[in-house]
Amino acid sequence: MAKKIYVGNIPFQTSEDDLKELFEKHGTVLSAKIVTDRHTGRSRGFGFVEMEDDDAIKAIEALNGSDFSGRPLRVNEARERTN
């Protein structure tokens, strides 16, 4: 089963490929998406990565708080959005 991971405090110049590459060191990445502003198309500084359960747990433990391009990443299991 796949787990969705929230990744916050991403440097604005980071691409989805950069994000995927970072997480691939910890397992197979099923998808990587950086959330962009609807009007400007610029990064909003966070995104989501989807990985298999075991790989996701390892990636969260390894990357939460780690430095990425000078910024400490916030990495945790994504929560369902409530409106």
PDB file of N, CA and C in Angstrom:
ATOM      1  N   MET A   1       0.846  -1.198   0.000  1.00  0.00           N
ATOM      2  CA  MET A   1       0.000   0.000   0.000  1.00  0.00           C
ATOM      3  C   MET A   1       0.884   1.251   0.000  1.00  0.00           C
ATOM      4  N   ALA A   2       0.431   2.276  -0.670  1.00  0.00           N
ATOM      5  CA  ALA A   2       1.214   3.506  -0.780  1.00  0.00           C
ATOM      6  C   ALA A   2       0.833   4.496   0.318  1.00  0.00           C
ATOM      7  N   LYS A   3       1.834   5.261   0.738  1.00  0.00           N
ATOM      8  CA  LYS A   3       1.638   6.315   1.727  1.00  0.00           C
ATOM      9  C   LYS A   3       1.955   7.650   1.077  1.00  0.00           C
ATOM     10  N   LYS A   4       1.154   8.651   1.409  1.00  0.00           N
ATOM     11  CA  LYS A   4       1.394   9.997   0.918  1.00  0.00           C
ATOM     12  C   LYS A   4       2.157  10.765   2.001  1.00  0.00           C
ATOM     13  N   ILE A   5       3.243  11.411   1.604  1.00  0.00           N
ATOM     14  CA  ILE A   5       4.107  12.124   2.530  1.00  0.00           C
ATOM     15  C   ILE A   5       4.039  13.621   2.235  1.00  0.00           C
ATOM     16  N   TYR A   6       3.845  14.420   3.293  1.00  0.00           N
ATOM     17  CA  TYR A   6       3.871  15.874   3.177  1.00  0.00           C
ATOM     18  C   TYR A   6       5.324  16.325   3.319  1.00  0.00           C
ATOM     19  N   VAL A   7       5.761  17.236   2.436  1.00  0.00           N
ATOM     20  CA  VAL A   7       7.115  17.775   2.499  1.00  0.00           C
ATOM     21  C   VAL A   7       6.990  19.294   2.518  1.00  0.00           C
ATOM     22  N   GLY A   8       7.377  19.905   3.628  1.00  0.00           N
ATOM     23  CA  GLY A   8       7.256  21.354   3.773  1.00  0.00           C
ATOM     24  C   GLY A   8       8.608  22.036   3.856  1.00  0.00           C
ATOM     25  N   ASN A   9       8.599  23.353   3.661  1.00  0.00           N
ATOM     26  CA  ASN A   9       9.792  24.202   3.704  1.00  0.00           C
ATOM     27  C   ASN A   9      10.759  23.876   2.564  1.00  0.00           C
ATOM     28  N   ILE A  10      10.199  23.533   1.411  1.00  0.00           N
ATOM     29  CA  ILE A  10      11.002  23.222   0.222  1.00  0.00           C
ATOM     30  C   ILE A  10      11.489  24.535  -0.389  1.00  0.00           C
ATOM     31  N   PRO A  11      12.775  24.638  -0.734  1.00  0.00           N
ATOM     32  CA  PRO A  11      13.250  25.846  -1.425  1.00  0.00           C
ATOM     33  C   PRO A  11      12.436  26.077  -2.701  1.00  0.00           C
ATOM     34  N   PHE A  12      12.115  27.342  -2.992  1.00  0.00           N
ATOM     35  CA  PHE A  12      11.221  27.666  -4.109  1.00  0.00           C
ATOM     36  C   PHE A  12      11.755  27.250  -5.474  1.00  0.00           C
ATOM     37  N   GLN A  13      13.069  27.116  -5.633  1.00  0.00           N
ATOM     38  CA  GLN A  13      13.635  26.741  -6.937  1.00  0.00           C
ATOM     39  C   GLN A  13      13.663  25.224  -7.159  1.00  0.00           C
ATOM     40  N   THR A  14      13.232  24.437  -6.174  1.00  0.00           N
ATOM     41  CA  THR A  14      13.251  22.976  -6.274  1.00  0.00           C
ATOM     42  C   THR A  14      12.229  22.491  -7.306  1.00  0.00           C
ATOM     43  N   SER A  15      12.657  21.554  -8.163  1.00  0.00           N
ATOM     44  CA  SER A  15      11.747  20.969  -9.151  1.00  0.00           C
ATOM     45  C   SER A  15      11.184  19.652  -8.602  1.00  0.00           C
ATOM     46  N   GLU A  16      10.150  19.145  -9.265  1.00  0.00           N
ATOM     47  CA  GLU A  16       9.590  17.850  -8.863  1.00  0.00           C
ATOM     48  C   GLU A  16      10.623  16.743  -9.048  1.00  0.00           C
ATOM     49  N   ASP A  17      11.478  16.867 -10.064  1.00  0.00           N
ATOM     50  CA  ASP A  17      12.553  15.877 -10.266  1.00  0.00           C
ATOM     51  C   ASP A  17      13.545  15.908  -9.112  1.00  0.00           C
ATOM     52  N   ASP A  18      13.880  17.114  -8.606  1.00  0.00           N
ATOM     53  CA  ASP A  18      14.788  17.240  -7.458  1.00  0.00           C
ATOM     54  C   ASP A  18      14.188  16.545  -6.238  1.00  0.00           C
ATOM     55  N   LEU A  19      12.907  16.762  -6.027  1.00  0.00           N
ATOM     56  CA  LEU A  19      12.213  16.170  -4.884  1.00  0.00           C
ATOM     57  C   LEU A  19      12.207  14.644  -5.003  1.00  0.00           C
ATOM     58  N   LYS A  20      11.901  14.156  -6.194  1.00  0.00           N
ATOM     59  CA  LYS A  20      11.881  12.712  -6.438  1.00  0.00           C
ATOM     60  C   LYS A  20      13.260  12.109  -6.186  1.00  0.00           C
ATOM     61  N   GLU A  21      14.286  12.771  -6.675  1.00  0.00           N
ATOM     62  CA  GLU A  21      15.662  12.291  -6.513  1.00  0.00           C
ATOM     63  C   GLU A  21      16.052  12.209  -5.032  1.00  0.00           C
ATOM     64  N   LEU A  22      15.660  13.207  -4.251  1.00  0.00           N
ATOM     65  CA  LEU A  22      15.955  13.225  -2.815  1.00  0.00           C
ATOM     66  C   LEU A  22      15.328  12.022  -2.116  1.00  0.00           C
ATOM     67  N   PHE A  23      14.072  11.719  -2.447  1.00  0.00           N
ATOM     68  CA  PHE A  23      13.369  10.628  -1.771  1.00  0.00           C
ATOM     69  C   PHE A  23      13.758   9.250  -2.302  1.00  0.00           C
ATOM     70  N   GLU A  24      14.234   9.179  -3.551  1.00  0.00           N
ATOM     71  CA  GLU A  24      14.629   7.882  -4.123  1.00  0.00           C
ATOM     72  C   GLU A  24      15.800   7.246  -3.379  1.00  0.00           C
ATOM     73  N   LYS A  25      16.547   8.020  -2.630  1.00  0.00           N
ATOM     74  CA  LYS A  25      17.651   7.470  -1.823  1.00  0.00           C
ATOM     75  C   LYS A  25      17.117   6.565  -0.710  1.00  0.00           C
ATOM     76  N   HIS A  26      15.811   6.648  -0.451  1.00  0.00           N
ATOM     77  CA  HIS A  26      15.202   5.900   0.648  1.00  0.00           C
ATOM     78  C   HIS A  26      14.182   4.877   0.178  1.00  0.00           C
ATOM     79  N   GLY A  27      14.041   4.717  -1.141  1.00  0.00           N
ATOM     80  CA  GLY A  27      13.108   3.725  -1.666  1.00  0.00           C
ATOM     81  C   GLY A  27      12.490   4.183  -2.977  1.00  0.00           C
ATOM     82  N   THR A  28      11.516   3.419  -3.430  1.00  0.00           N
ATOM     83  CA  THR A  28      10.863   3.693  -4.707  1.00  0.00           C
ATOM     84  C   THR A  28       9.829   4.798  -4.553  1.00  0.00           C
ATOM     85  N   VAL A  29       9.965   5.829  -5.381  1.00  0.00           N
ATOM     86  CA  VAL A  29       9.018   6.945  -5.379  1.00  0.00           C
ATOM     87  C   VAL A  29       7.958   6.680  -6.448  1.00  0.00           C
ATOM     88  N   LEU A  30       6.700   6.670  -6.042  1.00  0.00           N
ATOM     89  CA  LEU A  30       5.599   6.455  -6.973  1.00  0.00           C
ATOM     90  C   LEU A  30       5.190   7.766  -7.644  1.00  0.00           C
ATOM     91  N   SER A  31       5.268   8.872  -6.897  1.00  0.00           N
ATOM     92  CA  SER A  31       4.983  10.187  -7.471  1.00  0.00           C
ATOM     93  C   SER A  31       5.586  11.278  -6.584  1.00  0.00           C
ATOM     94  N   ALA A  32       5.874  12.419  -7.191  1.00  0.00           N
ATOM     95  CA  ALA A  32       6.376  13.589  -6.467  1.00  0.00           C
ATOM     96  C   ALA A  32       5.722  14.812  -7.084  1.00  0.00           C
ATOM     97  N   LYS A  33       5.088  15.632  -6.254  1.00  0.00           N
ATOM     98  CA  LYS A  33       4.353  16.798  -6.745  1.00  0.00           C
ATOM     99  C   LYS A  33       4.651  17.993  -5.857  1.00  0.00           C
ATOM    100  N   ILE A  34       5.038  19.105  -6.466  1.00  0.00           N
ATOM    101  CA  ILE A  34       5.212  20.352  -5.736  1.00  0.00           C
ATOM    102  C   ILE A  34       3.968  21.194  -5.995  1.00  0.00           C
ATOM    103  N   VAL A  35       3.385  21.724  -4.930  1.00  0.00           N
ATOM    104  CA  VAL A  35       2.175  22.522  -5.057  1.00  0.00           C
ATOM    105  C   VAL A  35       2.559  23.924  -5.526  1.00  0.00           C
ATOM    106  N   THR A  36       1.852  24.400  -6.553  1.00  0.00           N
ATOM    107  CA  THR A  36       2.141  25.718  -7.115  1.00  0.00           C
ATOM    108  C   THR A  36       0.939  26.642  -6.950  1.00  0.00           C
ATOM    109  N   ASP A  37       1.218  27.928  -6.943  1.00  0.00           N
ATOM    110  CA  ASP A  37       0.174  28.936  -6.871  1.00  0.00           C
ATOM    111  C   ASP A  37      -0.649  28.897  -8.154  1.00  0.00           C
ATOM    112  N   ARG A  38      -1.934  28.876  -8.028  1.00  0.00           N
ATOM    113  CA  ARG A  38      -2.833  28.768  -9.179  1.00  0.00           C
ATOM    114  C   ARG A  38      -2.674  29.938 -10.153  1.00  0.00           C
ATOM    115  N   HIS A  39      -2.386  31.128  -9.632  1.00  0.00           N
ATOM    116  CA  HIS A  39      -2.330  32.324 -10.473  1.00  0.00           C
ATOM    117  C   HIS A  39      -0.947  32.590 -11.059  1.00  0.00           C
ATOM    118  N   THR A  40       0.107  32.404 -10.258  1.00  0.00           N
ATOM    119  CA  THR A  40       1.462  32.739 -10.727  1.00  0.00           C
ATOM    120  C   THR A  40       2.223  31.530 -11.248  1.00  0.00           C
ATOM    121  N   GLY A  41       1.816  30.320 -10.841  1.00  0.00           N
ATOM    122  CA  GLY A  41       2.524  29.114 -11.252  1.00  0.00           C
ATOM    123  C   GLY A  41       3.799  28.871 -10.455  1.00  0.00           C
ATOM    124  N   ARG A  42       4.086  29.730  -9.476  1.00  0.00           N
ATOM    125  CA  ARG A  42       5.290  29.566  -8.660  1.00  0.00           C
ATOM    126  C   ARG A  42       5.050  28.586  -7.520  1.00  0.00           C
ATOM    127  N   SER A  43       6.126  27.954  -7.078  1.00  0.00           N
ATOM    128  CA  SER A  43       6.063  27.003  -5.969  1.00  0.00           C
ATOM    129  C   SER A  43       5.521  27.679  -4.719  1.00  0.00           C
ATOM    130  N   ARG A  44       4.728  26.935  -3.943  1.00  0.00           N
ATOM    131  CA  ARG A  44       4.229  27.440  -2.663  1.00  0.00           C
ATOM    132  C   ARG A  44       5.100  26.946  -1.515  1.00  0.00           C
ATOM    133  N   GLY A  45       6.179  26.217  -1.829  1.00  0.00           N
ATOM    134  CA  GLY A  45       7.122  25.805  -0.797  1.00  0.00           C
ATOM    135  C   GLY A  45       6.792  24.500  -0.094  1.00  0.00           C
ATOM    136  N   PHE A  46       5.832  23.764  -0.644  1.00  0.00           N
ATOM    137  CA  PHE A  46       5.546  22.439  -0.084  1.00  0.00           C
ATOM    138  C   PHE A  46       5.060  21.515  -1.188  1.00  0.00           C
ATOM    139  N   GLY A  47       5.059  20.227  -0.870  1.00  0.00           N
ATOM    140  CA  GLY A  47       4.628  19.253  -1.863  1.00  0.00           C
ATOM    141  C   GLY A  47       4.318  17.921  -1.223  1.00  0.00           C
ATOM    142  N   PHE A  48       4.107  16.931  -2.078  1.00  0.00           N
ATOM    143  CA  PHE A  48       3.753  15.593  -1.614  1.00  0.00           C
ATOM    144  C   PHE A  48       4.527  14.551  -2.408  1.00  0.00           C
ATOM    145  N   VAL A  49       4.942  13.507  -1.705  1.00  0.00           N
ATOM    146  CA  VAL A  49       5.634  12.384  -2.335  1.00  0.00           C
ATOM    147  C   VAL A  49       4.859  11.128  -1.954  1.00  0.00           C
ATOM    148  N   GLU A  50       4.696  10.219  -2.896  1.00  0.00           N
ATOM    149  CA  GLU A  50       4.022   8.965  -2.616  1.00  0.00           C
ATOM    150  C   GLU A  50       5.023   7.824  -2.724  1.00  0.00           C
ATOM    151  N   MET A  51       5.071   6.987  -1.673  1.00  0.00           N
ATOM    152  CA  MET A  51       5.999   5.856  -1.621  1.00  0.00           C
ATOM    153  C   MET A  51       5.282   4.668  -0.996  1.00  0.00           C
ATOM    154  N   GLU A  52       5.857   3.475  -1.184  1.00  0.00           N
ATOM    155  CA  GLU A  52       5.339   2.290  -0.493  1.00  0.00           C
ATOM    156  C   GLU A  52       5.511   2.487   1.016  1.00  0.00           C
ATOM    157  N   ASP A  53       4.651   1.846   1.823  1.00  0.00           N
ATOM    158  CA  ASP A  53       4.621   2.039   3.271  1.00  0.00           C
ATOM    159  C   ASP A  53       5.986   1.986   3.948  1.00  0.00           C
ATOM    160  N   ASP A  54       6.726   0.886   3.769  1.00  0.00           N
ATOM    161  CA  ASP A  54       8.007   0.720   4.462  1.00  0.00           C
ATOM    162  C   ASP A  54       9.017   1.782   4.041  1.00  0.00           C
ATOM    163  N   ASP A  55       9.065   2.069   2.736  1.00  0.00           N
ATOM    164  CA  ASP A  55       9.979   3.088   2.233  1.00  0.00           C
ATOM    165  C   ASP A  55       9.595   4.470   2.770  1.00  0.00           C
ATOM    166  N   ALA A  56       8.292   4.732   2.847  1.00  0.00           N
ATOM    167  CA  ALA A  56       7.804   6.024   3.324  1.00  0.00           C
ATOM    168  C   ALA A  56       8.231   6.262   4.764  1.00  0.00           C
ATOM    169  N   ILE A  57       8.096   5.259   5.602  1.00  0.00           N
ATOM    170  CA  ILE A  57       8.474   5.387   7.008  1.00  0.00           C
ATOM    171  C   ILE A  57       9.963   5.689   7.130  1.00  0.00           C
ATOM    172  N   LYS A  58      10.782   4.963   6.365  1.00  0.00           N
ATOM    173  CA  LYS A  58      12.236   5.210   6.374  1.00  0.00           C
ATOM    174  C   LYS A  58      12.561   6.625   5.900  1.00  0.00           C
ATOM    175  N   ALA A  59      11.910   7.069   4.846  1.00  0.00           N
ATOM    176  CA  ALA A  59      12.168   8.399   4.287  1.00  0.00           C
ATOM    177  C   ALA A  59      11.770   9.499   5.273  1.00  0.00           C
ATOM    178  N   ILE A  60      10.626   9.348   5.924  1.00  0.00           N
ATOM    179  CA  ILE A  60      10.174  10.343   6.903  1.00  0.00           C
ATOM    180  C   ILE A  60      11.190  10.454   8.037  1.00  0.00           C
ATOM    181  N   GLU A  61      11.610   9.310   8.572  1.00  0.00           N
ATOM    182  CA  GLU A  61      12.581   9.312   9.674  1.00  0.00           C
ATOM    183  C   GLU A  61      13.909   9.926   9.258  1.00  0.00           C
ATOM    184  N   ALA A  62      14.355   9.642   8.035  1.00  0.00           N
ATOM    185  CA  ALA A  62      15.659  10.115   7.567  1.00  0.00           C
ATOM    186  C   ALA A  62      15.649  11.595   7.183  1.00  0.00           C
ATOM    187  N   LEU A  63      14.543  12.069   6.618  1.00  0.00           N
ATOM    188  CA  LEU A  63      14.540  13.410   6.022  1.00  0.00           C
ATOM    189  C   LEU A  63      13.899  14.506   6.866  1.00  0.00           C
ATOM    190  N   ASN A  64      13.054  14.166   7.841  1.00  0.00           N
ATOM    191  CA  ASN A  64      12.430  15.203   8.654  1.00  0.00           C
ATOM    192  C   ASN A  64      13.499  15.985   9.418  1.00  0.00           C
ATOM    193  N   GLY A  65      13.526  17.295   9.216  1.00  0.00           N
ATOM    194  CA  GLY A  65      14.508  18.150   9.884  1.00  0.00           C
ATOM    195  C   GLY A  65      15.845  18.232   9.174  1.00  0.00           C
ATOM    196  N   SER A  66      16.022  17.439   8.113  1.00  0.00           N
ATOM    197  CA  SER A  66      17.304  17.447   7.405  1.00  0.00           C
ATOM    198  C   SER A  66      17.440  18.704   6.553  1.00  0.00           C
ATOM    199  N   ASP A  67      18.679  19.111   6.302  1.00  0.00           N
ATOM    200  CA  ASP A  67      18.960  20.296   5.507  1.00  0.00           C
ATOM    201  C   ASP A  67      18.857  19.964   4.021  1.00  0.00           C
ATOM    202  N   PHE A  68      18.095  20.780   3.289  1.00  0.00           N
ATOM    203  CA  PHE A  68      17.981  20.627   1.846  1.00  0.00           C
ATOM    204  C   PHE A  68      18.128  22.013   1.239  1.00  0.00           C
ATOM    205  N   SER A  69      19.259  22.251   0.574  1.00  0.00           N
ATOM    206  CA  SER A  69      19.558  23.561  -0.024  1.00  0.00           C
ATOM    207  C   SER A  69      19.443  24.683   1.000  1.00  0.00           C
ATOM    208  N   GLY A  70      19.934  24.421   2.214  1.00  0.00           N
ATOM    209  CA  GLY A  70      19.962  25.447   3.249  1.00  0.00           C
ATOM    210  C   GLY A  70      18.686  25.608   4.053  1.00  0.00           C
ATOM    211  N   ARG A  71      17.707  24.745   3.823  1.00  0.00           N
ATOM    212  CA  ARG A  71      16.448  24.846   4.567  1.00  0.00           C
ATOM    213  C   ARG A  71      16.132  23.518   5.247  1.00  0.00           C
ATOM    214  N   PRO A  72      15.685  23.567   6.514  1.00  0.00           N
ATOM    215  CA  PRO A  72      15.312  22.313   7.200  1.00  0.00           C
ATOM    216  C   PRO A  72      13.943  21.840   6.718  1.00  0.00           C
ATOM    217  N   LEU A  73      13.901  20.646   6.158  1.00  0.00           N
ATOM    218  CA  LEU A  73      12.642  20.102   5.636  1.00  0.00           C
ATOM    219  C   LEU A  73      11.722  19.670   6.770  1.00  0.00           C
ATOM    220  N   ARG A  74      10.413  19.837   6.550  1.00  0.00           N
ATOM    221  CA  ARG A  74       9.409  19.259   7.441  1.00  0.00           C
ATOM    222  C   ARG A  74       8.785  18.117   6.665  1.00  0.00           C
ATOM    223  N   VAL A  75       8.976  16.903   7.164  1.00  0.00           N
ATOM    224  CA  VAL A  75       8.507  15.712   6.445  1.00  0.00           C
ATOM    225  C   VAL A  75       7.686  14.859   7.409  1.00  0.00           C
ATOM    226  N   ASN A  76       6.426  14.600   7.030  1.00  0.00           N
ATOM    227  CA  ASN A  76       5.585  13.714   7.835  1.00  0.00           C
ATOM    228  C   ASN A  76       4.495  13.108   6.971  1.00  0.00           C
ATOM    229  N   GLU A  77       3.780  12.162   7.552  1.00  0.00           N
ATOM    230  CA  GLU A  77       2.708  11.517   6.798  1.00  0.00           C
ATOM    231  C   GLU A  77       1.622  12.547   6.526  1.00  0.00           C
ATOM    232  N   ALA A  78       1.165  12.608   5.291  1.00  0.00           N
ATOM    233  CA  ALA A  78       0.129  13.579   4.912  1.00  0.00           C
ATOM    234  C   ALA A  78      -1.183  13.215   5.579  1.00  0.00           C
ATOM    235  N   ARG A  79      -1.915  14.242   6.000  1.00  0.00           N
ATOM    236  CA  ARG A  79      -3.240  14.044   6.584  1.00  0.00           C
ATOM    237  C   ARG A  79      -4.274  14.367   5.519  1.00  0.00           C
ATOM    238  N   GLU A  80      -5.411  13.723   5.612  1.00  0.00           N
ATOM    239  CA  GLU A  80      -6.499  14.017   4.673  1.00  0.00           C
ATOM    240  C   GLU A  80      -6.944  15.462   4.871  1.00  0.00           C
ATOM    241  N   ARG A  81      -7.236  16.113   3.780  1.00  0.00           N
ATOM    242  CA  ARG A  81      -7.649  17.504   3.803  1.00  0.00           C
ATOM    243  C   ARG A  81      -9.100  17.593   4.293  1.00  0.00           C
ATOM    244  N   THR A  82      -9.356  18.514   5.226  1.00  0.00           N
ATOM    245  CA  THR A  82     -10.728  18.742   5.694  1.00  0.00           C
ATOM    246  C   THR A  82     -11.133  20.157   5.319  1.00  0.00           C
ATOM    247  N   ASN A  83     -12.351  20.296   4.856  1.00  0.00           N
ATOM    248  CA  ASN A  83     -12.815  21.632   4.422  1.00  0.00           C
ATOM    249  C   ASN A  83     -13.723  22.245   5.443  1.00  0.00           C
TER     250      ASN A  83
END
